[in-house]
Amino acid sequence: YMAIESAEGLFAAIADTRSIEAAGNRILRPLADGRLGQMDAP
């Protein structure tokens, strides 16, 4: 995330979040594989 700030606050910003968008539900795997939870014990 890249931002330019002035004394008045945010002037402009760009968020490059393509990776988390591409990863999709892969970030949720620990909630399904037993590390943090699973279907019958969420």
PDB file of all heavy atoms in Angstrom:
ATOM      1  N   TYR A   1       0.876  -1.177   0.000  1.00  0.00           N
ATOM      2  CA  TYR A   1       0.000   0.000   0.000  1.00  0.00           C
ATOM      3  C   TYR A   1       0.906   1.217   0.000  1.00  0.00           C
ATOM      4  O   TYR A   1       1.819   1.319   0.824  1.00  0.00           O
ATOM      5  CB  TYR A   1      -0.887  -0.023   1.244  1.00  0.00           C
ATOM      6  CG  TYR A   1      -1.677   1.252   1.504  1.00  0.00           C
ATOM      7  CD1 TYR A   1      -2.920   1.448   0.913  1.00  0.00           C
ATOM      8  CD2 TYR A   1      -1.186   2.234   2.366  1.00  0.00           C
ATOM      9  CE1 TYR A   1      -3.657   2.599   1.172  1.00  0.00           C
ATOM     10  CE2 TYR A   1      -1.917   3.379   2.628  1.00  0.00           C
ATOM     11  CZ  TYR A   1      -3.155   3.566   2.025  1.00  0.00           C
ATOM     12  OH  TYR A   1      -3.876   4.694   2.274  1.00  0.00           O
ATOM     13  N   MET A   2       0.674   2.128  -0.926  1.00  0.00           N
ATOM     14  CA  MET A   2       1.504   3.322  -1.026  1.00  0.00           C
ATOM     15  C   MET A   2       0.632   4.567  -0.854  1.00  0.00           C
ATOM     16  O   MET A   2      -0.404   4.701  -1.523  1.00  0.00           O
ATOM     17  CB  MET A   2       2.221   3.375  -2.375  1.00  0.00           C
ATOM     18  CG  MET A   2       3.132   4.574  -2.548  1.00  0.00           C
ATOM     19  SD  MET A   2       4.116   4.463  -4.074  1.00  0.00           S
ATOM     20  CE  MET A   2       2.803   4.550  -5.313  1.00  0.00           C
ATOM     21  N   ALA A   3       1.032   5.448   0.061  1.00  0.00           N
ATOM     22  CA  ALA A   3       0.253   6.654   0.330  1.00  0.00           C
ATOM     23  C   ALA A   3       1.154   7.875   0.378  1.00  0.00           C
ATOM     24  O   ALA A   3       2.324   7.794   0.752  1.00  0.00           O
ATOM     25  CB  ALA A   3      -0.496   6.516   1.656  1.00  0.00           C
ATOM     26  N   ILE A   4       0.598   8.995  -0.020  1.00  0.00           N
ATOM     27  CA  ILE A   4       1.254  10.296   0.112  1.00  0.00           C
ATOM     28  C   ILE A   4       0.392  11.138   1.036  1.00  0.00           C
ATOM     29  O   ILE A   4      -0.819  11.291   0.812  1.00  0.00           O
ATOM     30  CB  ILE A   4       1.420  10.985  -1.247  1.00  0.00           C
ATOM     31  CG1 ILE A   4       2.309  10.145  -2.161  1.00  0.00           C
ATOM     32  CG2 ILE A   4       2.014  12.382  -1.084  1.00  0.00           C
ATOM     33  CD1 ILE A   4       2.422  10.667  -3.582  1.00  0.00           C
ATOM     34  N   GLU A   5       0.996  11.649   2.092  1.00  0.00           N
ATOM     35  CA  GLU A   5       0.273  12.430   3.093  1.00  0.00           C
ATOM     36  C   GLU A   5       0.860  13.821   3.188  1.00  0.00           C
ATOM     37  O   GLU A   5       2.078  14.012   3.155  1.00  0.00           O
ATOM     38  CB  GLU A   5       0.344  11.740   4.461  1.00  0.00           C
ATOM     39  CG  GLU A   5      -0.263  10.335   4.460  1.00  0.00           C
ATOM     40  CD  GLU A   5      -0.091   9.634   5.796  1.00  0.00           C
ATOM     41  OE1 GLU A   5       0.641  10.177   6.654  1.00  0.00           O
ATOM     42  OE2 GLU A   5      -0.658   8.546   5.964  1.00  0.00           O
ATOM     43  N   SER A   6      -0.033  14.795   3.322  1.00  0.00           N
ATOM     44  CA  SER A   6       0.377  16.182   3.547  1.00  0.00           C
ATOM     45  C   SER A   6      -0.009  16.582   4.958  1.00  0.00           C
ATOM     46  O   SER A   6      -0.538  15.771   5.730  1.00  0.00           O
ATOM     47  CB  SER A   6      -0.303  17.106   2.533  1.00  0.00           C
ATOM     48  OG  SER A   6      -1.699  17.183   2.795  1.00  0.00           O
ATOM     49  N   ALA A   7       0.207  17.839   5.294  1.00  0.00           N
ATOM     50  CA  ALA A   7      -0.168  18.318   6.624  1.00  0.00           C
ATOM     51  C   ALA A   7      -1.679  18.221   6.844  1.00  0.00           C
ATOM     52  O   ALA A   7      -2.149  18.103   7.976  1.00  0.00           O
ATOM     53  CB  ALA A   7       0.306  19.753   6.805  1.00  0.00           C
ATOM     54  N   GLU A   8      -2.442  18.244   5.748  1.00  0.00           N
ATOM     55  CA  GLU A   8      -3.907  18.175   5.853  1.00  0.00           C
ATOM     56  C   GLU A   8      -4.428  16.744   5.909  1.00  0.00           C
ATOM     57  O   GLU A   8      -5.612  16.519   6.106  1.00  0.00           O
ATOM     58  CB  GLU A   8      -4.547  18.900   4.659  1.00  0.00           C
ATOM     59  CG  GLU A   8      -4.445  20.412   4.700  1.00  0.00           C
ATOM     60  CD  GLU A   8      -3.035  20.895   4.374  1.00  0.00           C
ATOM     61  OE1 GLU A   8      -2.382  20.276   3.508  1.00  0.00           O
ATOM     62  OE2 GLU A   8      -2.589  21.873   5.002  1.00  0.00           O
ATOM     63  N   GLY A   9      -3.542  15.778   5.720  1.00  0.00           N
ATOM     64  CA  GLY A   9      -3.965  14.382   5.740  1.00  0.00           C
ATOM     65  C   GLY A   9      -3.615  13.672   4.449  1.00  0.00           C
ATOM     66  O   GLY A   9      -2.686  14.060   3.733  1.00  0.00           O
ATOM     67  N   LEU A  10      -4.381  12.617   4.126  1.00  0.00           N
ATOM     68  CA  LEU A  10      -4.093  11.795   2.953  1.00  0.00           C
ATOM     69  C   LEU A  10      -4.282  12.592   1.668  1.00  0.00           C
ATOM     70  O   LEU A  10      -5.341  13.194   1.432  1.00  0.00           O
ATOM     71  CB  LEU A  10      -5.003  10.566   2.931  1.00  0.00           C
ATOM     72  CG  LEU A  10      -4.787   9.578   1.781  1.00  0.00           C
ATOM     73  CD1 LEU A  10      -3.416   8.938   1.867  1.00  0.00           C
ATOM     74  CD2 LEU A  10      -5.881   8.524   1.794  1.00  0.00           C
ATOM     75  N   PHE A  11      -3.251  12.596   0.807  1.00  0.00           N
ATOM     76  CA  PHE A  11      -3.304  13.291  -0.479  1.00  0.00           C
ATOM     77  C   PHE A  11      -3.668  12.322  -1.598  1.00  0.00           C
ATOM     78  O   PHE A  11      -4.487  12.628  -2.458  1.00  0.00           O
ATOM     79  CB  PHE A  11      -1.938  13.947  -0.758  1.00  0.00           C
ATOM     80  CG  PHE A  11      -1.913  14.804  -1.988  1.00  0.00           C
ATOM     81  CD1 PHE A  11      -2.466  16.076  -1.988  1.00  0.00           C
ATOM     82  CD2 PHE A  11      -1.331  14.339  -3.161  1.00  0.00           C
ATOM     83  CE1 PHE A  11      -2.446  16.864  -3.125  1.00  0.00           C
ATOM     84  CE2 PHE A  11      -1.299  15.111  -4.304  1.00  0.00           C
ATOM     85  CZ  PHE A  11      -1.859  16.391  -4.291  1.00  0.00           C
ATOM     86  N   ALA A  12      -3.066  11.137  -1.583  1.00  0.00           N
ATOM     87  CA  ALA A  12      -3.364  10.107  -2.583  1.00  0.00           C
ATOM     88  C   ALA A  12      -2.844   8.775  -2.077  1.00  0.00           C
ATOM     89  O   ALA A  12      -1.918   8.724  -1.259  1.00  0.00           O
ATOM     90  CB  ALA A  12      -2.721  10.446  -3.926  1.00  0.00           C
ATOM     91  N   ALA A  13      -3.436   7.674  -2.562  1.00  0.00           N
ATOM     92  CA  ALA A  13      -2.995   6.343  -2.136  1.00  0.00           C
ATOM     93  C   ALA A  13      -3.345   5.309  -3.194  1.00  0.00           C
ATOM     94  O   ALA A  13      -4.319   5.465  -3.937  1.00  0.00           O
ATOM     95  CB  ALA A  13      -3.632   5.962  -0.809  1.00  0.00           C
ATOM     96  N   ILE A  14      -2.532   4.248  -3.232  1.00  0.00           N
ATOM     97  CA  ILE A  14      -2.784   3.101  -4.108  1.00  0.00           C
ATOM     98  C   ILE A  14      -2.595   1.835  -3.287  1.00  0.00           C
ATOM     99  O   ILE A  14      -1.587   1.679  -2.601  1.00  0.00           O
ATOM    100  CB  ILE A  14      -1.818   3.074  -5.304  1.00  0.00           C
ATOM    101  CG1 ILE A  14      -2.004   4.320  -6.178  1.00  0.00           C
ATOM    102  CG2 ILE A  14      -2.033   1.805  -6.136  1.00  0.00           C
ATOM    103  CD1 ILE A  14      -0.977   4.427  -7.285  1.00  0.00           C
ATOM    104  N   ALA A  15      -3.587   0.942  -3.338  1.00  0.00           N
ATOM    105  CA  ALA A  15      -3.503  -0.342  -2.633  1.00  0.00           C
ATOM    106  C   ALA A  15      -3.311  -1.452  -3.657  1.00  0.00           C
ATOM    107  O   ALA A  15      -4.193  -1.687  -4.491  1.00  0.00           O
ATOM    108  CB  ALA A  15      -4.752  -0.585  -1.807  1.00  0.00           C
ATOM    109  N   ASP A  16      -2.164  -2.116  -3.617  1.00  0.00           N
ATOM    110  CA  ASP A  16      -1.889  -3.251  -4.499  1.00  0.00           C
ATOM    111  C   ASP A  16      -2.094  -4.524  -3.682  1.00  0.00           C
ATOM    112  O   ASP A  16      -1.194  -5.002  -3.004  1.00  0.00           O
ATOM    113  CB  ASP A  16      -0.456  -3.157  -5.022  1.00  0.00           C
ATOM    114  CG  ASP A  16      -0.109  -4.275  -6.013  1.00  0.00           C
ATOM    115  OD1 ASP A  16      -0.950  -5.180  -6.192  1.00  0.00           O
ATOM    116  OD2 ASP A  16       0.991  -4.243  -6.586  1.00  0.00           O
ATOM    117  N   THR A  17      -3.322  -5.057  -3.739  1.00  0.00           N
ATOM    118  CA  THR A  17      -3.686  -6.221  -2.933  1.00  0.00           C
ATOM    119  C   THR A  17      -4.023  -7.423  -3.819  1.00  0.00           C
ATOM    120  O   THR A  17      -4.873  -8.245  -3.480  1.00  0.00           O
ATOM    121  CB  THR A  17      -4.881  -5.897  -2.019  1.00  0.00           C
ATOM    122  OG1 THR A  17      -5.981  -5.432  -2.826  1.00  0.00           O
ATOM    123  CG2 THR A  17      -4.517  -4.819  -1.022  1.00  0.00           C
ATOM    124  N   ARG A  18      -3.329  -7.527  -4.929  1.00  0.00           N
ATOM    125  CA  ARG A  18      -3.624  -8.601  -5.873  1.00  0.00           C
ATOM    126  C   ARG A  18      -3.367  -9.987  -5.293  1.00  0.00           C
ATOM    127  O   ARG A  18      -4.052 -10.954  -5.643  1.00  0.00           O
ATOM    128  CB  ARG A  18      -2.792  -8.408  -7.144  1.00  0.00           C
ATOM    129  CG  ARG A  18      -3.244  -7.236  -8.011  1.00  0.00           C
ATOM    130  CD  ARG A  18      -2.292  -6.997  -9.166  1.00  0.00           C
ATOM    131  NE  ARG A  18      -0.995  -6.528  -8.696  1.00  0.00           N
ATOM    132  CZ  ARG A  18       0.044  -6.318  -9.505  1.00  0.00           C
ATOM    133  NH1 ARG A  18      -0.053  -6.570 -10.788  1.00  0.00           N
ATOM    134  NH2 ARG A  18       1.193  -5.876  -9.014  1.00  0.00           N
ATOM    135  N   SER A  19      -2.395 -10.096  -4.397  1.00  0.00           N
ATOM    136  CA  SER A  19      -2.034 -11.423  -3.889  1.00  0.00           C
ATOM    137  C   SER A  19      -3.088 -12.000  -2.967  1.00  0.00           C
ATOM    138  O   SER A  19      -3.463 -13.173  -3.090  1.00  0.00           O
ATOM    139  CB  SER A  19      -0.679 -11.357  -3.183  1.00  0.00           C
ATOM    140  OG  SER A  19       0.345 -11.115  -4.129  1.00  0.00           O
ATOM    141  N   ILE A  20      -3.606 -11.189  -2.043  1.00  0.00           N
ATOM    142  CA  ILE A  20      -4.638 -11.739  -1.149  1.00  0.00           C
ATOM    143  C   ILE A  20      -5.913 -12.016  -1.929  1.00  0.00           C
ATOM    144  O   ILE A  20      -6.647 -12.967  -1.639  1.00  0.00           O
ATOM    145  CB  ILE A  20      -4.895 -10.826   0.065  1.00  0.00           C
ATOM    146  CG1 ILE A  20      -5.731 -11.590   1.086  1.00  0.00           C
ATOM    147  CG2 ILE A  20      -5.566  -9.524  -0.344  1.00  0.00           C
ATOM    148  CD1 ILE A  20      -5.804 -10.930   2.430  1.00  0.00           C
ATOM    149  N   GLU A  21      -6.168 -11.222  -2.963  1.00  0.00           N
ATOM    150  CA  GLU A  21      -7.335 -11.498  -3.795  1.00  0.00           C
ATOM    151  C   GLU A  21      -7.149 -12.798  -4.571  1.00  0.00           C
ATOM    152  O   GLU A  21      -8.078 -13.607  -4.686  1.00  0.00           O
ATOM    153  CB  GLU A  21      -7.572 -10.321  -4.740  1.00  0.00           C
ATOM    154  CG  GLU A  21      -8.026  -9.053  -4.018  1.00  0.00           C
ATOM    155  CD  GLU A  21      -8.085  -7.852  -4.932  1.00  0.00           C
ATOM    156  OE1 GLU A  21      -7.786  -7.988  -6.141  1.00  0.00           O
ATOM    157  OE2 GLU A  21      -8.421  -6.758  -4.443  1.00  0.00           O
ATOM    158  N   ALA A  22      -5.947 -13.019  -5.093  1.00  0.00           N
ATOM    159  CA  ALA A  22      -5.670 -14.243  -5.839  1.00  0.00           C
ATOM    160  C   ALA A  22      -5.656 -15.474  -4.930  1.00  0.00           C
ATOM    161  O   ALA A  22      -6.054 -16.576  -5.338  1.00  0.00           O
ATOM    162  CB  ALA A  22      -4.336 -14.128  -6.570  1.00  0.00           C
ATOM    163  N   ALA A  23      -5.211 -15.298  -3.701  1.00  0.00           N
ATOM    164  CA  ALA A  23      -5.159 -16.423  -2.754  1.00  0.00           C
ATOM    165  C   ALA A  23      -6.553 -16.916  -2.398  1.00  0.00           C
ATOM    166  O   ALA A  23      -6.762 -18.110  -2.148  1.00  0.00           O
ATOM    167  CB  ALA A  23      -4.405 -16.010  -1.498  1.00  0.00           C
ATOM    168  N   GLY A  24      -7.530 -16.013  -2.365  1.00  0.00           N
ATOM    169  CA  GLY A  24      -8.915 -16.407  -2.112  1.00  0.00           C
ATOM    170  C   GLY A  24      -9.076 -17.183  -0.818  1.00  0.00           C
ATOM    171  O   GLY A  24      -8.513 -16.840   0.219  1.00  0.00           O
ATOM    172  N   ASN A  25      -9.836 -18.289  -0.887  1.00  0.00           N
ATOM    173  CA  ASN A  25     -10.137 -19.036   0.344  1.00  0.00           C
ATOM    174  C   ASN A  25      -8.977 -19.893   0.843  1.00  0.00           C
ATOM    175  O   ASN A  25      -9.106 -20.566   1.864  1.00  0.00           O
ATOM    176  CB  ASN A  25     -11.388 -19.887   0.170  1.00  0.00           C
ATOM    177  CG  ASN A  25     -11.256 -20.951  -0.898  1.00  0.00           C
ATOM    178  OD1 ASN A  25     -10.161 -21.213  -1.409  1.00  0.00           O
ATOM    179  ND2 ASN A  25     -12.368 -21.566  -1.250  1.00  0.00           N
ATOM    180  N   ARG A  26      -7.836 -19.858   0.155  1.00  0.00           N
ATOM    181  CA  ARG A  26      -6.669 -20.567   0.680  1.00  0.00           C
ATOM    182  C   ARG A  26      -6.225 -19.993   2.024  1.00  0.00           C
ATOM    183  O   ARG A  26      -5.623 -20.703   2.842  1.00  0.00           O
ATOM    184  CB  ARG A  26      -5.517 -20.517  -0.331  1.00  0.00           C
ATOM    185  CG  ARG A  26      -5.714 -21.434  -1.537  1.00  0.00           C
ATOM    186  CD  ARG A  26      -4.511 -21.395  -2.466  1.00  0.00           C
ATOM    187  NE  ARG A  26      -4.469 -20.157  -3.239  1.00  0.00           N
ATOM    188  CZ  ARG A  26      -3.465 -19.808  -4.031  1.00  0.00           C
ATOM    189  NH1 ARG A  26      -2.396 -20.592  -4.144  1.00  0.00           N
ATOM    190  NH2 ARG A  26      -3.507 -18.677  -4.722  1.00  0.00           N
ATOM    191  N   ILE A  27      -6.521 -18.710   2.273  1.00  0.00           N
ATOM    192  CA  ILE A  27      -6.133 -18.119   3.554  1.00  0.00           C
ATOM    193  C   ILE A  27      -6.967 -18.681   4.700  1.00  0.00           C
ATOM    194  O   ILE A  27      -6.611 -18.521   5.870  1.00  0.00           O
ATOM    195  CB  ILE A  27      -6.232 -16.574   3.529  1.00  0.00           C
ATOM    196  CG1 ILE A  27      -7.695 -16.109   3.456  1.00  0.00           C
ATOM    197  CG2 ILE A  27      -5.415 -15.985   2.397  1.00  0.00           C
ATOM    198  CD1 ILE A  27      -7.865 -14.608   3.616  1.00  0.00           C
ATOM    199  N   LEU A  28      -8.062 -19.365   4.381  1.00  0.00           N
ATOM    200  CA  LEU A  28      -8.963 -19.907   5.412  1.00  0.00           C
ATOM    201  C   LEU A  28      -8.671 -21.364   5.768  1.00  0.00           C
ATOM    202  O   LEU A  28      -9.331 -21.935   6.636  1.00  0.00           O
ATOM    203  CB  LEU A  28     -10.415 -19.797   4.944  1.00  0.00           C
ATOM    204  CG  LEU A  28     -10.908 -18.403   4.519  1.00  0.00           C
ATOM    205  CD1 LEU A  28     -12.360 -18.486   4.072  1.00  0.00           C
ATOM    206  CD2 LEU A  28     -10.746 -17.386   5.648  1.00  0.00           C
ATOM    207  N   ARG A  29      -7.687 -21.984   5.135  1.00  0.00           N
ATOM    208  CA  ARG A  29      -7.431 -23.408   5.349  1.00  0.00           C
ATOM    209  C   ARG A  29      -7.235 -23.789   6.820  1.00  0.00           C
ATOM    210  O   ARG A  29      -7.694 -24.857   7.233  1.00  0.00           O
ATOM    211  CB  ARG A  29      -6.218 -23.836   4.521  1.00  0.00           C
ATOM    212  CG  ARG A  29      -6.516 -23.974   3.044  1.00  0.00           C
ATOM    213  CD  ARG A  29      -5.270 -24.284   2.236  1.00  0.00           C
ATOM    214  NE  ARG A  29      -5.562 -24.430   0.812  1.00  0.00           N
ATOM    215  CZ  ARG A  29      -4.629 -24.490  -0.120  1.00  0.00           C
ATOM    216  NH1 ARG A  29      -3.348 -24.444   0.216  1.00  0.00           N
ATOM    217  NH2 ARG A  29      -4.965 -24.611  -1.388  1.00  0.00           N
ATOM    218  N   PRO A  30      -6.555 -22.962   7.641  1.00  0.00           N
ATOM    219  CA  PRO A  30      -6.394 -23.355   9.054  1.00  0.00           C
ATOM    220  C   PRO A  30      -7.712 -23.511   9.802  1.00  0.00           C
ATOM    221  O   PRO A  30      -7.768 -24.184  10.832  1.00  0.00           O
ATOM    222  CB  PRO A  30      -5.566 -22.207   9.637  1.00  0.00           C
ATOM    223  CG  PRO A  30      -4.831 -21.640   8.468  1.00  0.00           C
ATOM    224  CD  PRO A  30      -5.792 -21.739   7.331  1.00  0.00           C
ATOM    225  N   LEU A  31      -8.794 -22.920   9.281  1.00  0.00           N
ATOM    226  CA  LEU A  31     -10.099 -23.047   9.920  1.00  0.00           C
ATOM    227  C   LEU A  31     -10.804 -24.346   9.544  1.00  0.00           C
ATOM    228  O   LEU A  31     -11.830 -24.688  10.133  1.00  0.00           O
ATOM    229  CB  LEU A  31     -10.982 -21.859   9.534  1.00  0.00           C
ATOM    230  CG  LEU A  31     -10.552 -20.507  10.093  1.00  0.00           C
ATOM    231  CD1 LEU A  31     -11.283 -19.374   9.388  1.00  0.00           C
ATOM    232  CD2 LEU A  31     -10.791 -20.446  11.596  1.00  0.00           C
ATOM    233  N   ALA A  32     -10.245 -25.061   8.567  1.00  0.00           N
ATOM    234  CA  ALA A  32     -10.879 -26.288   8.090  1.00  0.00           C
ATOM    235  C   ALA A  32     -10.051 -27.540   8.333  1.00  0.00           C
ATOM    236  O   ALA A  32     -10.601 -28.647   8.386  1.00  0.00           O
ATOM    237  CB  ALA A  32     -11.163 -26.173   6.592  1.00  0.00           C
ATOM    238  N   ASP A  33      -8.734 -27.381   8.494  1.00  0.00           N
ATOM    239  CA  ASP A  33      -7.867 -28.566   8.549  1.00  0.00           C
ATOM    240  C   ASP A  33      -7.491 -28.991   9.968  1.00  0.00           C
ATOM    241  O   ASP A  33      -6.628 -29.845  10.159  1.00  0.00           O
ATOM    242  CB  ASP A  33      -6.602 -28.338   7.721  1.00  0.00           C
ATOM    243  CG  ASP A  33      -5.735 -27.182   8.238  1.00  0.00           C
ATOM    244  OD1 ASP A  33      -5.948 -26.708   9.371  1.00  0.00           O
ATOM    245  OD2 ASP A  33      -4.829 -26.742   7.486  1.00  0.00           O
ATOM    246  N   GLY A  34      -8.151 -28.410  10.964  1.00  0.00           N
ATOM    247  CA  GLY A  34      -7.910 -28.824  12.342  1.00  0.00           C
ATOM    248  C   GLY A  34      -6.964 -27.932  13.116  1.00  0.00           C
ATOM    249  O   GLY A  34      -6.901 -28.011  14.348  1.00  0.00           O
ATOM    250  N   ARG A  35      -6.220 -27.081  12.441  1.00  0.00           N
ATOM    251  CA  ARG A  35      -5.285 -26.197  13.149  1.00  0.00           C
ATOM    252  C   ARG A  35      -6.036 -25.188  14.010  1.00  0.00           C
ATOM    253  O   ARG A  35      -5.677 -24.929  15.162  1.00  0.00           O
ATOM    254  CB  ARG A  35      -4.361 -25.490  12.167  1.00  0.00           C
ATOM    255  CG  ARG A  35      -3.263 -26.368  11.609  1.00  0.00           C
ATOM    256  CD  ARG A  35      -2.425 -25.622  10.595  1.00  0.00           C
ATOM    257  NE  ARG A  35      -3.127 -25.430   9.329  1.00  0.00           N
ATOM    258  CZ  ARG A  35      -2.684 -24.654   8.341  1.00  0.00           C
ATOM    259  NH1 ARG A  35      -1.552 -23.968   8.504  1.00  0.00           N
ATOM    260  NH2 ARG A  35      -3.367 -24.551   7.204  1.00  0.00           N
ATOM    261  N   LEU A  36      -7.102 -24.603  13.464  1.00  0.00           N
ATOM    262  CA  LEU A  36      -7.918 -23.643  14.222  1.00  0.00           C
ATOM    263  C   LEU A  36      -9.375 -24.067  14.304  1.00  0.00           C
ATOM    264  O   LEU A  36     -10.144 -23.488  15.067  1.00  0.00           O
ATOM    265  CB  LEU A  36      -7.838 -22.258  13.571  1.00  0.00           C
ATOM    266  CG  LEU A  36      -6.477 -21.561  13.616  1.00  0.00           C
ATOM    267  CD1 LEU A  36      -6.506 -20.283  12.783  1.00  0.00           C
ATOM    268  CD2 LEU A  36      -6.064 -21.243  15.046  1.00  0.00           C
ATOM    269  N   GLY A  37      -9.747 -25.037  13.532  1.00  0.00           N
ATOM    270  CA  GLY A  37     -11.127 -25.510  13.525  1.00  0.00           C
ATOM    271  C   GLY A  37     -11.336 -26.498  12.403  1.00  0.00           C
ATOM    272  O   GLY A  37     -10.415 -26.805  11.638  1.00  0.00           O
ATOM    273  N   GLN A  38     -12.567 -27.008  12.301  1.00  0.00           N
ATOM    274  CA  GLN A  38     -12.944 -27.915  11.211  1.00  0.00           C
ATOM    275  C   GLN A  38     -14.460 -27.910  11.100  1.00  0.00           C
ATOM    276  O   GLN A  38     -15.148 -27.283  11.919  1.00  0.00           O
ATOM    277  CB  GLN A  38     -12.411 -29.320  11.451  1.00  0.00           C
ATOM    278  CG  GLN A  38     -12.735 -29.887  12.814  1.00  0.00           C
ATOM    279  CD  GLN A  38     -11.875 -31.089  13.149  1.00  0.00           C
ATOM    280  OE1 GLN A  38     -10.737 -31.204  12.714  1.00  0.00           O
ATOM    281  NE2 GLN A  38     -12.441 -32.012  13.935  1.00  0.00           N
ATOM    282  N   MET A  39     -14.980 -28.575  10.089  1.00  0.00           N
ATOM    283  CA  MET A  39     -16.409 -28.503   9.799  1.00  0.00           C
ATOM    284  C   MET A  39     -17.281 -28.862  10.998  1.00  0.00           C
ATOM    285  O   MET A  39     -18.274 -28.208  11.291  1.00  0.00           O
ATOM    286  CB  MET A  39     -16.755 -29.406   8.611  1.00  0.00           C
ATOM    287  CG  MET A  39     -16.369 -28.827   7.266  1.00  0.00           C
ATOM    288  SD  MET A  39     -17.306 -27.338   6.854  1.00  0.00           S
ATOM    289  CE  MET A  39     -16.670 -27.022   5.199  1.00  0.00           C
ATOM    290  N   ASP A  40     -16.912 -29.934  11.709  1.00  0.00           N
ATOM    291  CA  ASP A  40     -17.754 -30.377  12.826  1.00  0.00           C
ATOM    292  C   ASP A  40     -17.366 -29.731  14.152  1.00  0.00           C
ATOM    293  O   ASP A  40     -17.993 -29.995  15.179  1.00  0.00           O
ATOM    294  CB  ASP A  40     -17.720 -31.900  12.954  1.00  0.00           C
ATOM    295  CG  ASP A  40     -16.308 -32.443  13.154  1.00  0.00           C
ATOM    296  OD1 ASP A  40     -15.350 -31.649  13.054  1.00  0.00           O
ATOM    297  OD2 ASP A  40     -16.165 -33.654  13.408  1.00  0.00           O
ATOM    298  N   ALA A  41     -16.354 -28.885  14.135  1.00  0.00           N
ATOM    299  CA  ALA A  41     -15.945 -28.153  15.333  1.00  0.00           C
ATOM    300  C   ALA A  41     -15.365 -26.794  14.907  1.00  0.00           C
ATOM    301  O   ALA A  41     -14.176 -26.553  15.009  1.00  0.00           O
ATOM    302  CB  ALA A  41     -14.917 -28.949  16.130  1.00  0.00           C
ATOM    303  N   PRO A  42     -16.239 -25.906  14.414  1.00  0.00           N
ATOM    304  CA  PRO A  42     -15.746 -24.632  13.877  1.00  0.00           C
ATOM    305  C   PRO A  42     -15.181 -23.712  14.961  1.00  0.00           C
ATOM    306  O   PRO A  42     -15.514 -23.843  16.142  1.00  0.00           O
ATOM    307  CB  PRO A  42     -17.001 -24.016  13.243  1.00  0.00           C
ATOM    308  CG  PRO A  42     -18.150 -24.659  13.947  1.00  0.00           C
ATOM    309  CD  PRO A  42     -17.703 -26.035  14.289  1.00  0.00           C
TER     310      PRO A  42
END
